[in-house]
Amino acid sequence: MTGARIRLALSATLVGVASLQGCAPKPGIVEEAAPSPDLYGRVPARACEVTPIVLHDGGESTTTMTVTNDGGFCAAALSDQSGRPFEVGLVTAPPTHGKPLIHTVGNKTDIDYTPTRGFVGNDSFIIRLRTTKVDSLLHLTVVVTPVGQAYTSGHPAPPTR
């Protein structure tokens, strides 16, 4: 190879490397990966907290969900006394400012809540959970917070998109 060709090849390599440097992450900037959608094409909320659920056989139980209204859903997972999902989950009193979804995931029954876009405040709904032996009611109180507001439980504010 002649000297001119070597200089040309070296120049092309340096130009290629220099152009790729523009694609490299900038120091101090952390890019957060977007959450993956579930089987229904929905994305989980970046901040969701559910108080522990203790179901009383044949009785009524309560829990509280706190979710940031960033377009995602918040899920509460539970199973019956034998560790299996419930056979039936019915919405007996629907929420006013969101949509529930009850479905089975493995050995659990998931109760998901997606707030109406832009809603901030309190919501509630009631679910009837049934097995062949047990019929229980679960009252869910939902606290929907705006994006960027810290939870009252002391957790830091969720990241914004």
C-alpha atoms as a PDB file:
ATOM      1  CA  MET A   1       0.000   0.000   0.000  1.00  0.00           C
ATOM      2  CA  THR A   2       1.293   3.452  -0.812  1.00  0.00           C
ATOM      3  CA  GLY A   3       1.650   6.197   1.765  1.00  0.00           C
ATOM      4  CA  ALA A   4      -1.328   8.119   0.322  1.00  0.00           C
ATOM      5  CA  ARG A   5      -3.626   5.091   0.579  1.00  0.00           C
ATOM      6  CA  ILE A   6      -2.545   4.409   4.175  1.00  0.00           C
ATOM      7  CA  ARG A   7      -3.227   8.039   5.133  1.00  0.00           C
ATOM      8  CA  LEU A   8      -6.655   7.873   3.401  1.00  0.00           C
ATOM      9  CA  ALA A   9      -7.597   4.599   5.180  1.00  0.00           C
ATOM     10  CA  LEU A  10      -6.441   6.000   8.525  1.00  0.00           C
ATOM     11  CA  SER A  11      -8.422   9.227   7.961  1.00  0.00           C
ATOM     12  CA  ALA A  12     -11.593   7.258   7.128  1.00  0.00           C
ATOM     13  CA  THR A  13     -11.208   5.158  10.295  1.00  0.00           C
ATOM     14  CA  LEU A  14     -10.731   8.253  12.474  1.00  0.00           C
ATOM     15  CA  VAL A  15     -13.785   9.960  10.927  1.00  0.00           C
ATOM     16  CA  GLY A  16     -15.893   6.827  11.618  1.00  0.00           C
ATOM     17  CA  VAL A  17     -14.752   6.657  15.258  1.00  0.00           C
ATOM     18  CA  ALA A  18     -15.339  10.375  15.770  1.00  0.00           C
ATOM     19  CA  SER A  19     -18.875  10.148  14.375  1.00  0.00           C
ATOM     20  CA  LEU A  20     -19.714   7.243  16.727  1.00  0.00           C
ATOM     21  CA  GLN A  21     -18.630   9.274  19.748  1.00  0.00           C
ATOM     22  CA  GLY A  22     -21.755  11.407  19.261  1.00  0.00           C
ATOM     23  CA  CYS A  23     -23.843   8.269  20.016  1.00  0.00           C
ATOM     24  CA  ALA A  24     -22.077   7.493  23.277  1.00  0.00           C
ATOM     25  CA  PRO A  25     -23.967   8.258  26.519  1.00  0.00           C
ATOM     26  CA  LYS A  26     -23.100  11.612  28.032  1.00  0.00           C
ATOM     27  CA  PRO A  27     -21.489  11.571  31.483  1.00  0.00           C
ATOM     28  CA  GLY A  28     -23.978  12.278  34.250  1.00  0.00           C
ATOM     29  CA  ILE A  29     -27.048  11.454  32.129  1.00  0.00           C
ATOM     30  CA  VAL A  30     -28.798   8.252  33.103  1.00  0.00           C
ATOM     31  CA  GLU A  31     -31.332   6.963  30.625  1.00  0.00           C
ATOM     32  CA  GLU A  32     -34.019   4.845  32.253  1.00  0.00           C
ATOM     33  CA  ALA A  33     -35.422   2.011  30.190  1.00  0.00           C
ATOM     34  CA  ALA A  34     -39.164   2.150  29.633  1.00  0.00           C
ATOM     35  CA  PRO A  35     -41.070  -0.645  31.383  1.00  0.00           C
ATOM     36  CA  SER A  36     -42.080  -3.562  29.172  1.00  0.00           C
ATOM     37  CA  PRO A  37     -45.766  -3.999  28.326  1.00  0.00           C
ATOM     38  CA  ASP A  38     -47.683  -6.952  29.793  1.00  0.00           C
ATOM     39  CA  LEU A  39     -49.739  -9.517  27.855  1.00  0.00           C
ATOM     40  CA  TYR A  40     -52.522  -6.958  27.397  1.00  0.00           C
ATOM     41  CA  GLY A  41     -50.166  -4.335  25.942  1.00  0.00           C
ATOM     42  CA  ARG A  42     -50.333  -2.224  29.103  1.00  0.00           C
ATOM     43  CA  VAL A  43     -47.357  -0.707  30.874  1.00  0.00           C
ATOM     44  CA  PRO A  44     -47.044  -0.753  34.678  1.00  0.00           C
ATOM     45  CA  ALA A  45     -46.958   2.534  36.549  1.00  0.00           C
ATOM     46  CA  ARG A  46     -43.470   3.613  37.507  1.00  0.00           C
ATOM     47  CA  ALA A  47     -44.636   3.963  41.116  1.00  0.00           C
ATOM     48  CA  CYS A  48     -47.171   1.607  42.694  1.00  0.00           C
ATOM     49  CA  GLU A  49     -47.552   0.597  46.318  1.00  0.00           C
ATOM     50  CA  VAL A  50     -50.145  -1.762  47.820  1.00  0.00           C
ATOM     51  CA  THR A  51     -50.614  -2.347  51.540  1.00  0.00           C
ATOM     52  CA  PRO A  52     -50.512  -6.025  52.584  1.00  0.00           C
ATOM     53  CA  ILE A  53     -53.771  -7.858  51.891  1.00  0.00           C
ATOM     54  CA  VAL A  54     -55.153 -10.217  54.528  1.00  0.00           C
ATOM     55  CA  LEU A  55     -58.326 -11.846  53.244  1.00  0.00           C
ATOM     56  CA  HIS A  56     -60.880 -13.009  55.782  1.00  0.00           C
ATOM     57  CA  ASP A  57     -62.739 -16.136  54.649  1.00  0.00           C
ATOM     58  CA  GLY A  58     -66.333 -15.215  54.034  1.00  0.00           C
ATOM     59  CA  GLY A  59     -65.738 -11.692  55.327  1.00  0.00           C
ATOM     60  CA  GLU A  60     -64.621  -8.290  54.155  1.00  0.00           C
ATOM     61  CA  SER A  61     -61.046  -7.042  53.824  1.00  0.00           C
ATOM     62  CA  THR A  62     -59.478  -3.730  52.846  1.00  0.00           C
ATOM     63  CA  THR A  63     -56.312  -2.538  51.188  1.00  0.00           C
ATOM     64  CA  THR A  64     -54.916   0.714  49.847  1.00  0.00           C
ATOM     65  CA  MET A  65     -53.158   1.246  46.515  1.00  0.00           C
ATOM     66  CA  THR A  66     -51.052   4.317  45.877  1.00  0.00           C
ATOM     67  CA  VAL A  67     -50.242   4.889  42.212  1.00  0.00           C
ATOM     68  CA  THR A  68     -48.713   7.686  40.193  1.00  0.00           C
ATOM     69  CA  ASN A  69     -50.895   8.694  37.268  1.00  0.00           C
ATOM     70  CA  ASP A  70     -48.316   8.319  34.507  1.00  0.00           C
ATOM     71  CA  GLY A  71     -50.536   6.204  32.245  1.00  0.00           C
ATOM     72  CA  GLY A  72     -49.569   2.866  33.817  1.00  0.00           C
ATOM     73  CA  PHE A  73     -51.423   0.395  36.027  1.00  0.00           C
ATOM     74  CA  CYS A  74     -50.933  -0.703  39.636  1.00  0.00           C
ATOM     75  CA  ALA A  75     -51.337  -4.401  40.547  1.00  0.00           C
ATOM     76  CA  ALA A  76     -52.246  -6.230  43.741  1.00  0.00           C
ATOM     77  CA  ALA A  77     -51.495  -9.968  43.658  1.00  0.00           C
ATOM     78  CA  LEU A  78     -53.168 -12.453  45.995  1.00  0.00           C
ATOM     79  CA  SER A  79     -54.129 -16.114  46.241  1.00  0.00           C
ATOM     80  CA  ASP A  80     -56.605 -18.196  48.219  1.00  0.00           C
ATOM     81  CA  GLN A  81     -55.754 -20.018  51.459  1.00  0.00           C
ATOM     82  CA  SER A  82     -54.362 -23.013  49.530  1.00  0.00           C
ATOM     83  CA  GLY A  83     -51.997 -20.830  47.470  1.00  0.00           C
ATOM     84  CA  ARG A  84     -54.042 -20.979  44.266  1.00  0.00           C
ATOM     85  CA  PRO A  85     -55.666 -18.185  42.285  1.00  0.00           C
ATOM     86  CA  PHE A  86     -59.324 -17.422  42.921  1.00  0.00           C
ATOM     87  CA  GLU A  87     -61.794 -19.071  40.560  1.00  0.00           C
ATOM     88  CA  VAL A  88     -63.887 -15.936  40.121  1.00  0.00           C
ATOM     89  CA  GLY A  89     -63.234 -12.244  40.641  1.00  0.00           C
ATOM     90  CA  LEU A  90     -66.167  -9.859  40.173  1.00  0.00           C
ATOM     91  CA  VAL A  91     -66.251  -6.068  40.352  1.00  0.00           C
ATOM     92  CA  THR A  92     -69.270  -5.401  42.558  1.00  0.00           C
ATOM     93  CA  ALA A  93     -68.745  -1.626  42.876  1.00  0.00           C
ATOM     94  CA  PRO A  94     -66.651  -0.114  40.050  1.00  0.00           C
ATOM     95  CA  PRO A  95     -64.200   2.764  40.523  1.00  0.00           C
ATOM     96  CA  THR A  96     -65.290   6.201  39.372  1.00  0.00           C
ATOM     97  CA  HIS A  97     -61.921   7.408  38.050  1.00  0.00           C
ATOM     98  CA  GLY A  98     -60.195   4.320  36.654  1.00  0.00           C
ATOM     99  CA  LYS A  99     -60.498   0.819  35.248  1.00  0.00           C
ATOM    100  CA  PRO A 100     -59.951  -2.456  37.100  1.00  0.00           C
ATOM    101  CA  LEU A 101     -58.793  -5.708  35.517  1.00  0.00           C
ATOM    102  CA  ILE A 102     -58.934  -9.048  37.358  1.00  0.00           C
ATOM    103  CA  HIS A 103     -56.886 -11.873  35.867  1.00  0.00           C
ATOM    104  CA  THR A 104     -54.834 -14.933  36.776  1.00  0.00           C
ATOM    105  CA  VAL A 105     -51.035 -14.882  36.616  1.00  0.00           C
ATOM    106  CA  GLY A 106     -49.514 -18.232  37.601  1.00  0.00           C
ATOM    107  CA  ASN A 107     -50.725 -19.109  41.112  1.00  0.00           C
ATOM    108  CA  LYS A 108     -52.013 -15.611  41.858  1.00  0.00           C
ATOM    109  CA  THR A 109     -55.020 -13.483  41.066  1.00  0.00           C
ATOM    110  CA  ASP A 110     -53.969  -9.990  39.985  1.00  0.00           C
ATOM    111  CA  ILE A 111     -56.233  -7.019  40.582  1.00  0.00           C
ATOM    112  CA  ASP A 112     -54.996  -4.163  38.419  1.00  0.00           C
ATOM    113  CA  TYR A 113     -56.139  -0.541  38.491  1.00  0.00           C
ATOM    114  CA  THR A 114     -55.396   2.034  35.797  1.00  0.00           C
ATOM    115  CA  PRO A 115     -56.403   5.605  36.689  1.00  0.00           C
ATOM    116  CA  THR A 116     -58.141   7.806  34.127  1.00  0.00           C
ATOM    117  CA  ARG A 117     -55.544  10.062  32.484  1.00  0.00           C
ATOM    118  CA  GLY A 118     -55.154  13.332  34.333  1.00  0.00           C
ATOM    119  CA  PHE A 119     -57.061  12.201  37.441  1.00  0.00           C
ATOM    120  CA  VAL A 120     -55.473  12.940  40.809  1.00  0.00           C
ATOM    121  CA  GLY A 121     -57.224  12.122  44.080  1.00  0.00           C
ATOM    122  CA  ASN A 122     -58.997   9.230  45.784  1.00  0.00           C
ATOM    123  CA  ASP A 123     -60.959   6.424  44.167  1.00  0.00           C
ATOM    124  CA  SER A 124     -62.324   3.105  45.409  1.00  0.00           C
ATOM    125  CA  PHE A 125     -63.879  -0.131  44.228  1.00  0.00           C
ATOM    126  CA  ILE A 126     -65.016  -3.481  45.597  1.00  0.00           C
ATOM    127  CA  ILE A 127     -64.094  -6.936  44.312  1.00  0.00           C
ATOM    128  CA  ARG A 128     -65.852 -10.209  45.205  1.00  0.00           C
ATOM    129  CA  LEU A 129     -63.394 -13.124  45.181  1.00  0.00           C
ATOM    130  CA  ARG A 130     -64.723 -16.678  45.083  1.00  0.00           C
ATOM    131  CA  THR A 131     -63.494 -20.237  45.305  1.00  0.00           C
ATOM    132  CA  THR A 132     -65.633 -23.350  45.733  1.00  0.00           C
ATOM    133  CA  LYS A 133     -65.381 -22.892  49.515  1.00  0.00           C
ATOM    134  CA  VAL A 134     -64.849 -19.175  50.135  1.00  0.00           C
ATOM    135  CA  ASP A 135     -66.625 -15.977  49.122  1.00  0.00           C
ATOM    136  CA  SER A 136     -64.828 -12.782  50.241  1.00  0.00           C
ATOM    137  CA  LEU A 137     -65.132  -9.063  49.558  1.00  0.00           C
ATOM    138  CA  LEU A 138     -62.093  -6.845  49.063  1.00  0.00           C
ATOM    139  CA  HIS A 139     -62.515  -3.082  49.393  1.00  0.00           C
ATOM    140  CA  LEU A 140     -59.746  -1.225  47.562  1.00  0.00           C
ATOM    141  CA  THR A 141     -59.034   2.425  48.276  1.00  0.00           C
ATOM    142  CA  VAL A 142     -56.843   4.028  45.630  1.00  0.00           C
ATOM    143  CA  VAL A 143     -54.746   7.155  46.107  1.00  0.00           C
ATOM    144  CA  VAL A 144     -53.737   8.566  42.719  1.00  0.00           C
ATOM    145  CA  THR A 145     -50.843  11.026  42.829  1.00  0.00           C
ATOM    146  CA  PRO A 146     -49.511  13.278  40.069  1.00  0.00           C
ATOM    147  CA  VAL A 147     -46.205  12.490  38.411  1.00  0.00           C
ATOM    148  CA  GLY A 148     -43.334  13.906  40.482  1.00  0.00           C
ATOM    149  CA  GLN A 149     -45.115  13.977  43.860  1.00  0.00           C
ATOM    150  CA  ALA A 150     -43.499  12.022  46.678  1.00  0.00           C
ATOM    151  CA  TYR A 151     -45.494   9.276  48.359  1.00  0.00           C
ATOM    152  CA  THR A 152     -46.731   9.855  51.875  1.00  0.00           C
ATOM    153  CA  SER A 153     -44.970   6.623  52.891  1.00  0.00           C
ATOM    154  CA  GLY A 154     -41.626   8.374  52.556  1.00  0.00           C
ATOM    155  CA  HIS A 155     -40.574   6.912  49.217  1.00  0.00           C
ATOM    156  CA  PRO A 156     -38.826   9.306  46.830  1.00  0.00           C
ATOM    157  CA  ALA A 157     -40.796  10.790  43.992  1.00  0.00           C
ATOM    158  CA  PRO A 158     -41.065   8.500  40.957  1.00  0.00           C
ATOM    159  CA  PRO A 159     -39.077   9.474  37.867  1.00  0.00           C
ATOM    160  CA  THR A 160     -40.899  11.365  35.164  1.00  0.00           C
ATOM    161  CA  ARG A 161     -40.967  10.147  31.591  1.00  0.00           C
END
